[in-house]
Structure formats: C-alpha cells, structure tokens
Amino acid sequence: VQLLMLTGILKTAKLPPSNITKEEMAAIHNLKNNREITILPADKGRTTVIMDTEQYEKQMNEMLQDRNTYEVLKRDPTEAKKRKFKTILKQLQEEKKIDKQTYNHLIPTASIIPRIYGTPKIHKPGAPLRPIIDSMGSVTYNISKFIADILKPLLGNTDYHCENSKKQKNTISPGTWVMQITKRT
C-alpha cells in the first residue's frame, strides 16, 4: 500500500524547473547528434572529452590490430557459450549446489555481444585510449554481478588491499624502496 501511495505521489509530482536554458538544451542536442565528434568520459578525473570521430575510430582500430592482445574470431561464440553456461548451471542445480532462485537469477536471458570502447588517458601524452569492455546484457553479466556481490564484503579485509595511493603512501616506512610494475595499454 505504501509503495502504491509513493508511486502515485511520484506520478503527480511537479518536475523542478530546468537549470539550463532552451539555447543550452539545443546546443547539447546538436552536440549529441553531430556525427563528426565523439563525446566520452576521460579515463580519470571525471572529465568529459570531445574527440574528432575519425581520430577516435582510427585509435580504436589501431588498438584492435594488436594481435598479441586481440584475436579475430571466425564466428560469434555467444550462443555456444550460452548453451555451455546453461548446462553448467543446470548441473549445479541438480547437484543442489545452487537453488532454483539462484539458477533463475544466473541463467543468461540476453545474448548481447560485449562491446569495446576507449576512454582517453588525458593525463598521458597523445591521450592514448584505455580499452573498456561493456559486458552488460552478455552471457556472463549476471554471474559476474553475482560473484562481485559475494566478493564485495571481502574487499579491504586483507593485508594486500590498497584503498588508494595516498593512504598507501602513509603506510610505507621511510627509506623503503618501492618498485612500480605497470602494464602498457
């Protein structure tokens, strides 16, 4: 009953006035529909970047040409992976390792192919792109969320967890040698 009341209140609530003008709204609409530019978040700093679409696509294609990192597939493996995953889940349910509710939650309902995009590393020369894989709606999306929820309470409860670099700096004794290993992307 309370949920219905809340829903009714929200449906009849008056929206607050916009904090941007009609001209600003039109400018945003024009930017959004301009195919010559690509608008995306920066890799760090909560900044929005506007890139020339041709340059963005060129950088993404160059990145995807790296055969040490990426592989061209002869066919889409999504449906085969979905069938295999369903078989594994069914077996886990039959062995009583997961219940029916968990099975229904984990079973993939969509077969969206994960998508790649790049976020510019504006803090580096030439603003190279960091590849991001968007797996929302993919075969493994539900299981990924399920496992992340299981692991989340454990985060920060080990001696090897680093919350952020500033706090880590305060835990290092003076005179300690620090070695940094980075993977170039």
C-alpha atoms as a PDB file:
ATOM      1  CA  VAL A   1       0.000   0.000   0.000  1.00  0.00           C
ATOM      2  CA  GLN A   2       2.832   2.402   0.869  1.00  0.00           C
ATOM      3  CA  LEU A   3       4.562   1.623  -2.426  1.00  0.00           C
ATOM      4  CA  LEU A   4       1.353   2.405  -4.336  1.00  0.00           C
ATOM      5  CA  MET A   5       0.994   5.691  -2.453  1.00  0.00           C
ATOM      6  CA  LEU A   6       4.602   6.602  -3.213  1.00  0.00           C
ATOM      7  CA  THR A   7       4.136   5.694  -6.885  1.00  0.00           C
ATOM      8  CA  GLY A   8       1.017   7.879  -7.038  1.00  0.00           C
ATOM      9  CA  ILE A   9       2.821  10.797  -5.413  1.00  0.00           C
ATOM     10  CA  LEU A  10       5.744  10.499  -7.822  1.00  0.00           C
ATOM     11  CA  LYS A  11       3.420  10.379 -10.849  1.00  0.00           C
ATOM     12  CA  THR A  12       1.652  13.578  -9.829  1.00  0.00           C
ATOM     13  CA  ALA A  13       4.730  15.439  -8.591  1.00  0.00           C
ATOM     14  CA  LYS A  14       5.652  18.583 -10.474  1.00  0.00           C
ATOM     15  CA  LEU A  15       9.117  18.494 -12.027  1.00  0.00           C
ATOM     16  CA  PRO A  16      11.514  21.184 -10.831  1.00  0.00           C
ATOM     17  CA  PRO A  17      12.381  23.892 -13.355  1.00  0.00           C
ATOM     18  CA  SER A  18      15.332  23.123 -15.608  1.00  0.00           C
ATOM     19  CA  ASN A  19      18.635  24.668 -14.614  1.00  0.00           C
ATOM     20  CA  ILE A  20      19.694  25.153 -18.252  1.00  0.00           C
ATOM     21  CA  THR A  21      18.220  27.454 -20.867  1.00  0.00           C
ATOM     22  CA  LYS A  22      16.461  26.366 -24.061  1.00  0.00           C
ATOM     23  CA  GLU A  23      19.517  27.540 -26.024  1.00  0.00           C
ATOM     24  CA  GLU A  24      21.821  25.383 -23.901  1.00  0.00           C
ATOM     25  CA  MET A  25      19.464  22.417 -24.329  1.00  0.00           C
ATOM     26  CA  ALA A  26      19.513  22.956 -28.120  1.00  0.00           C
ATOM     27  CA  ALA A  27      23.338  23.125 -28.065  1.00  0.00           C
ATOM     28  CA  ILE A  28      23.519  19.831 -26.132  1.00  0.00           C
ATOM     29  CA  HIS A  29      21.099  18.254 -28.613  1.00  0.00           C
ATOM     30  CA  ASN A  30      23.216  19.467 -31.561  1.00  0.00           C
ATOM     31  CA  LEU A  31      26.439  18.133 -29.994  1.00  0.00           C
ATOM     32  CA  LYS A  32      24.787  14.778 -29.292  1.00  0.00           C
ATOM     33  CA  ASN A  33      23.636  14.426 -32.912  1.00  0.00           C
ATOM     34  CA  ASN A  34      26.900  15.628 -34.503  1.00  0.00           C
ATOM     35  CA  ARG A  35      28.461  12.516 -36.104  1.00  0.00           C
ATOM     36  CA  GLU A  36      31.803  14.307 -36.606  1.00  0.00           C
ATOM     37  CA  ILE A  37      32.537  14.302 -32.882  1.00  0.00           C
ATOM     38  CA  THR A  38      32.550  11.586 -30.224  1.00  0.00           C
ATOM     39  CA  ILE A  39      31.731  12.551 -26.639  1.00  0.00           C
ATOM     40  CA  LEU A  40      33.035  10.234 -23.929  1.00  0.00           C
ATOM     41  CA  PRO A  41      34.368  10.238 -20.377  1.00  0.00           C
ATOM     42  CA  ALA A  42      38.084  10.648 -19.765  1.00  0.00           C
ATOM     43  CA  ASP A  43      39.928   7.722 -18.203  1.00  0.00           C
ATOM     44  CA  LYS A  44      40.476   9.666 -14.970  1.00  0.00           C
ATOM     45  CA  GLY A  45      39.282  12.860 -13.390  1.00  0.00           C
ATOM     46  CA  ARG A  46      35.536  12.782 -14.084  1.00  0.00           C
ATOM     47  CA  THR A  47      36.057  14.858 -17.196  1.00  0.00           C
ATOM     48  CA  THR A  48      34.156  14.747 -20.471  1.00  0.00           C
ATOM     49  CA  VAL A  49      36.218  14.626 -23.667  1.00  0.00           C
ATOM     50  CA  ILE A  50      35.110  15.622 -27.155  1.00  0.00           C
ATOM     51  CA  MET A  51      37.144  13.887 -29.867  1.00  0.00           C
ATOM     52  CA  ASP A  52      37.092  14.004 -33.626  1.00  0.00           C
ATOM     53  CA  THR A  53      35.209  10.812 -34.559  1.00  0.00           C
ATOM     54  CA  GLU A  54      37.682   9.886 -37.316  1.00  0.00           C
ATOM     55  CA  GLN A  55      40.605  10.197 -34.875  1.00  0.00           C
ATOM     56  CA  TYR A  56      38.767   8.163 -32.209  1.00  0.00           C
ATOM     57  CA  GLU A  57      37.912   5.375 -34.671  1.00  0.00           C
ATOM     58  CA  LYS A  58      41.492   5.379 -36.019  1.00  0.00           C
ATOM     59  CA  GLN A  59      42.916   4.978 -32.494  1.00  0.00           C
ATOM     60  CA  MET A  60      40.422   2.210 -31.656  1.00  0.00           C
ATOM     61  CA  ASN A  61      41.195   0.337 -34.888  1.00  0.00           C
ATOM     62  CA  GLU A  62      44.957   0.643 -34.294  1.00  0.00           C
ATOM     63  CA  MET A  63      44.494  -0.764 -30.800  1.00  0.00           C
ATOM     64  CA  LEU A  64      42.408  -3.683 -32.092  1.00  0.00           C
ATOM     65  CA  GLN A  65      45.086  -4.539 -34.693  1.00  0.00           C
ATOM     66  CA  ASP A  66      47.404  -5.708 -31.880  1.00  0.00           C
ATOM     67  CA  ARG A  67      47.325  -9.496 -32.448  1.00  0.00           C
ATOM     68  CA  ASN A  68      49.199 -10.114 -29.170  1.00  0.00           C
ATOM     69  CA  THR A  69      46.165  -8.764 -27.322  1.00  0.00           C
ATOM     70  CA  TYR A  70      43.167  -9.234 -29.611  1.00  0.00           C
ATOM     71  CA  GLU A  71      42.125 -12.172 -31.765  1.00  0.00           C
ATOM     72  CA  VAL A  72      39.857 -12.153 -34.810  1.00  0.00           C
ATOM     73  CA  LEU A  73      37.193 -14.845 -34.398  1.00  0.00           C
ATOM     74  CA  LYS A  74      35.864 -16.813 -37.346  1.00  0.00           C
ATOM     75  CA  ARG A  75      32.369 -16.908 -35.851  1.00  0.00           C
ATOM     76  CA  ASP A  76      30.391 -15.431 -32.986  1.00  0.00           C
ATOM     77  CA  PRO A  77      30.815 -17.755 -29.956  1.00  0.00           C
ATOM     78  CA  THR A  78      27.953 -16.194 -27.965  1.00  0.00           C
ATOM     79  CA  GLU A  79      25.283 -18.875 -28.482  1.00  0.00           C
ATOM     80  CA  ALA A  80      27.744 -21.741 -27.891  1.00  0.00           C
ATOM     81  CA  LYS A  81      28.928 -20.097 -24.662  1.00  0.00           C
ATOM     82  CA  LYS A  82      25.315 -19.538 -23.621  1.00  0.00           C
ATOM     83  CA  ARG A  83      24.450 -23.230 -24.142  1.00  0.00           C
ATOM     84  CA  LYS A  84      27.556 -24.377 -22.242  1.00  0.00           C
ATOM     85  CA  PHE A  85      26.860 -21.986 -19.378  1.00  0.00           C
ATOM     86  CA  LYS A  86      23.218 -23.146 -19.143  1.00  0.00           C
ATOM     87  CA  THR A  87      24.435 -26.766 -18.993  1.00  0.00           C
ATOM     88  CA  ILE A  88      26.835 -25.945 -16.153  1.00  0.00           C
ATOM     89  CA  LEU A  89      24.130 -24.068 -14.230  1.00  0.00           C
ATOM     90  CA  LYS A  90      21.654 -26.934 -14.701  1.00  0.00           C
ATOM     91  CA  GLN A  91      24.252 -29.391 -13.386  1.00  0.00           C
ATOM     92  CA  LEU A  92      24.921 -27.169 -10.350  1.00  0.00           C
ATOM     93  CA  GLN A  93      21.191 -27.030  -9.661  1.00  0.00           C
ATOM     94  CA  GLU A  94      20.788 -30.808  -9.995  1.00  0.00           C
ATOM     95  CA  GLU A  95      23.713 -31.324  -7.607  1.00  0.00           C
ATOM     96  CA  LYS A  96      21.961 -28.923  -5.167  1.00  0.00           C
ATOM     97  CA  LYS A  97      24.940 -26.549  -5.255  1.00  0.00           C
ATOM     98  CA  ILE A  98      22.600 -23.729  -6.266  1.00  0.00           C
ATOM     99  CA  ASP A  99      18.866 -23.401  -5.670  1.00  0.00           C
ATOM    100  CA  LYS A 100      16.156 -22.716  -8.258  1.00  0.00           C
ATOM    101  CA  GLN A 101      16.081 -18.994  -7.433  1.00  0.00           C
ATOM    102  CA  THR A 102      19.852 -18.647  -7.953  1.00  0.00           C
ATOM    103  CA  TYR A 103      19.614 -20.696 -11.154  1.00  0.00           C
ATOM    104  CA  ASN A 104      16.881 -18.384 -12.484  1.00  0.00           C
ATOM    105  CA  HIS A 105      18.912 -15.328 -11.486  1.00  0.00           C
ATOM    106  CA  LEU A 106      22.115 -16.540 -13.165  1.00  0.00           C
ATOM    107  CA  ILE A 107      20.655 -18.014 -16.342  1.00  0.00           C
ATOM    108  CA  PRO A 108      21.519 -15.703 -19.249  1.00  0.00           C
ATOM    109  CA  THR A 109      18.393 -14.161 -20.746  1.00  0.00           C
ATOM    110  CA  ALA A 110      20.122 -11.968 -23.309  1.00  0.00           C
ATOM    111  CA  SER A 111      22.838 -12.739 -25.797  1.00  0.00           C
ATOM    112  CA  ILE A 112      24.347  -9.333 -26.355  1.00  0.00           C
ATOM    113  CA  ILE A 113      27.940  -9.424 -27.569  1.00  0.00           C
ATOM    114  CA  PRO A 114      30.225  -7.445 -25.217  1.00  0.00           C
ATOM    115  CA  ARG A 115      31.215  -4.116 -26.725  1.00  0.00           C
ATOM    116  CA  ILE A 116      34.552  -2.328 -26.579  1.00  0.00           C
ATOM    117  CA  TYR A 117      35.124   1.391 -26.366  1.00  0.00           C
ATOM    118  CA  GLY A 118      38.047   3.542 -25.347  1.00  0.00           C
ATOM    119  CA  THR A 119      38.406   6.272 -22.755  1.00  0.00           C
ATOM    120  CA  PRO A 120      41.154   8.835 -23.455  1.00  0.00           C
ATOM    121  CA  LYS A 121      44.019   8.948 -20.957  1.00  0.00           C
ATOM    122  CA  ILE A 122      44.193  12.739 -20.987  1.00  0.00           C
ATOM    123  CA  HIS A 123      46.936  12.678 -18.336  1.00  0.00           C
ATOM    124  CA  LYS A 124      49.312  10.975 -20.823  1.00  0.00           C
ATOM    125  CA  PRO A 125      50.974  12.426 -23.938  1.00  0.00           C
ATOM    126  CA  GLY A 126      48.887  11.856 -27.061  1.00  0.00           C
ATOM    127  CA  ALA A 127      45.883  10.813 -24.928  1.00  0.00           C
ATOM    128  CA  PRO A 128      46.020   7.084 -25.757  1.00  0.00           C
ATOM    129  CA  LEU A 129      42.787   5.153 -25.257  1.00  0.00           C
ATOM    130  CA  ARG A 130      42.166   2.731 -22.398  1.00  0.00           C
ATOM    131  CA  PRO A 131      40.025  -0.155 -23.662  1.00  0.00           C
ATOM    132  CA  ILE A 132      36.806  -0.749 -21.718  1.00  0.00           C
ATOM    133  CA  ILE A 133      34.661  -3.829 -22.302  1.00  0.00           C
ATOM    134  CA  ASP A 134      30.948  -3.269 -21.696  1.00  0.00           C
ATOM    135  CA  SER A 135      29.501  -6.693 -20.888  1.00  0.00           C
ATOM    136  CA  MET A 136      26.071  -5.509 -19.788  1.00  0.00           C
ATOM    137  CA  GLY A 137      23.475  -7.951 -21.117  1.00  0.00           C
ATOM    138  CA  SER A 138      26.107 -10.507 -22.167  1.00  0.00           C
ATOM    139  CA  VAL A 139      26.060 -14.220 -21.329  1.00  0.00           C
ATOM    140  CA  THR A 140      28.319 -13.747 -18.292  1.00  0.00           C
ATOM    141  CA  TYR A 141      26.835 -10.481 -16.981  1.00  0.00           C
ATOM    142  CA  ASN A 142      24.583 -11.989 -14.279  1.00  0.00           C
ATOM    143  CA  ILE A 143      27.243 -14.380 -12.953  1.00  0.00           C
ATOM    144  CA  SER A 144      29.790 -11.544 -12.908  1.00  0.00           C
ATOM    145  CA  LYS A 145      27.470  -9.407 -10.768  1.00  0.00           C
ATOM    146  CA  PHE A 146      26.713 -12.414  -8.533  1.00  0.00           C
ATOM    147  CA  ILE A 147      30.407 -13.123  -7.887  1.00  0.00           C
ATOM    148  CA  ALA A 148      31.175  -9.414  -7.371  1.00  0.00           C
ATOM    149  CA  ASP A 149      28.449  -9.246  -4.704  1.00  0.00           C
ATOM    150  CA  ILE A 150      29.981 -12.266  -2.936  1.00  0.00           C
ATOM    151  CA  LEU A 151      33.484 -10.770  -3.020  1.00  0.00           C
ATOM    152  CA  LYS A 152      32.478  -7.197  -2.128  1.00  0.00           C
ATOM    153  CA  PRO A 153      32.389  -7.760   1.678  1.00  0.00           C
ATOM    154  CA  LEU A 154      35.908  -9.210   1.483  1.00  0.00           C
ATOM    155  CA  LEU A 155      37.322  -6.127  -0.238  1.00  0.00           C
ATOM    156  CA  GLY A 156      39.675  -4.289   2.041  1.00  0.00           C
ATOM    157  CA  ASN A 157      39.947  -7.110   4.565  1.00  0.00           C
ATOM    158  CA  THR A 158      43.367  -8.366   3.515  1.00  0.00           C
ATOM    159  CA  ASP A 159      46.883  -7.117   4.146  1.00  0.00           C
ATOM    160  CA  TYR A 160      47.327  -6.718   0.387  1.00  0.00           C
ATOM    161  CA  HIS A 161      44.424  -4.369  -0.290  1.00  0.00           C
ATOM    162  CA  CYS A 162      45.257  -0.784  -1.227  1.00  0.00           C
ATOM    163  CA  GLU A 163      42.304   1.609  -0.985  1.00  0.00           C
ATOM    164  CA  ASN A 164      44.107   4.452  -2.746  1.00  0.00           C
ATOM    165  CA  SER A 165      47.630   5.685  -3.414  1.00  0.00           C
ATOM    166  CA  LYS A 166      47.535   8.495  -0.822  1.00  0.00           C
ATOM    167  CA  LYS A 167      46.664   6.099   2.017  1.00  0.00           C
ATOM    168  CA  GLN A 168      49.225   3.601   0.716  1.00  0.00           C
ATOM    169  CA  LYS A 169      51.940   6.276   0.814  1.00  0.00           C
ATOM    170  CA  ASN A 170      51.295   6.786   4.530  1.00  0.00           C
ATOM    171  CA  THR A 171      51.830   3.062   5.264  1.00  0.00           C
ATOM    172  CA  ILE A 172      55.294   2.896   3.665  1.00  0.00           C
ATOM    173  CA  SER A 173      58.174   3.317   6.096  1.00  0.00           C
ATOM    174  CA  PRO A 174      60.787   5.997   5.301  1.00  0.00           C
ATOM    175  CA  GLY A 175      63.754   4.510   3.444  1.00  0.00           C
ATOM    176  CA  THR A 176      61.663   1.730   1.871  1.00  0.00           C
ATOM    177  CA  TRP A 177      62.321   1.036  -1.794  1.00  0.00           C
ATOM    178  CA  VAL A 178      59.190   0.974  -3.903  1.00  0.00           C
ATOM    179  CA  MET A 179      59.121  -0.710  -7.292  1.00  0.00           C
ATOM    180  CA  GLN A 180      56.340   0.043  -9.735  1.00  0.00           C
ATOM    181  CA  ILE A 181      55.304  -2.503 -12.343  1.00  0.00           C
ATOM    182  CA  THR A 182      52.904  -1.230 -14.962  1.00  0.00           C
ATOM    183  CA  LYS A 183      51.330  -2.811 -17.983  1.00  0.00           C
ATOM    184  CA  ARG A 184      51.277  -0.572 -21.018  1.00  0.00           C
ATOM    185  CA  THR A 185      47.841  -0.444 -22.624  1.00  0.00           C
END
